Amino acid sequence: MHINHANLSSLFVAFSAAFKGGLNSVPTPQHQLVATTVPSTTKANEYGWMGSIPRMREWLGSRVVHGIKSHGYSVKNLPFELTVAVDRDDIEDDNLGIYTPLMTELGAAAATHPDELVYGLLGRGHETKCYDGQYFFDTDHPVLDADGKKTTQSNLDNNSGNGTRWYLLDCSRTLKPLIYQTRKEPKFVAKTAETDDNVFNAKEYIYGVDCRRNAGFGLWQQAYCSRKGLDKDNLQAAITALETRTGDHGKPLGMKATHLVVPSSLKWKAIELLTPQRNAAGADNVMKDVVELIVPSWLS
């Protein structure tokens, strides 16, 4: 191929099409199951209203105005990029077939990146703080009891630090347990001018993708983490703990366990627990389809 502006423009169009093909190759991004997507127009989004989950009350006398607690929780948008180089000799020799799949992989990487961010954060929930200043999974989240006194609640069954972590989530609400924040969607760009340093000094044409986004935590009340063995009794205990969760002043929050998230090492145990019609004794399996199973590749 003769290298000129027209041919380089055509090559960019072809590579861009391959990138878009990879970007659209992910049928249903898994992060959408557990994270609320929040568009962003600034450097960071503030979520200071978290922690205020009031319930309806009988209207007696004047209205009771629930103030919005200011927790100062924010999610900062971070820049991300992925860049590859194409050798000028390969362009001149029309040896471009090896690069088209690479551009498709760039698109696929950009498409699965939100999953990587969200589930990676979930896996670090025992060591990453949420809106109330505690770790997202912790034993002492501050709340008010029925008498208005300060007390704590736990959404972590640590089992003395042993065992593989698995997670139970309530994803039935508009606000899910995690947040996926997007500021700038993936953009495919190139540096192919003869005067660009990469071309002039290294005879390389550079193609890449960049975006701005991040993941954050929603309400810890919608999540439960356990390191106990994944079996019927422990899953039932986790479901009960999540669904009997109360907010300030002892008001029930109406949580519903909808999703079980496990790493690949617990995949078959989870399937065996949730899918058979009958258990090993031949009785009806009361755990069948009680929650939806998610086995993300990115769970750290």
Foldseek 3Di string as FASTA:
>chain_A
DDDDPVVVVVVLVLLVVLLVLLLPVPPDAPVVQFAFEDEDADQKDWDQQAQDDDDDDDDDDDDDDDDRGGLRDMDGKDKDKDKDKDALVCVVVVVCPVCSVVSSVQSNCLNRVLVLQAQQVVLCQCPDDASQRHRLADAFRWAAELVRDIGGHGQEACVVVAAFKKKWFFRPDNGGFKYKYFHFRKDKDWDDDCPDCCCVPVVIIMIMIMGIIHMGGHHSLGMHMYRDDPADVVVVVSQVSSQQDAGHSRHGSRGGTAEMEGEPVCVVVVCLLADDQAHPVRHGRPNHPSHHYDHDHNND
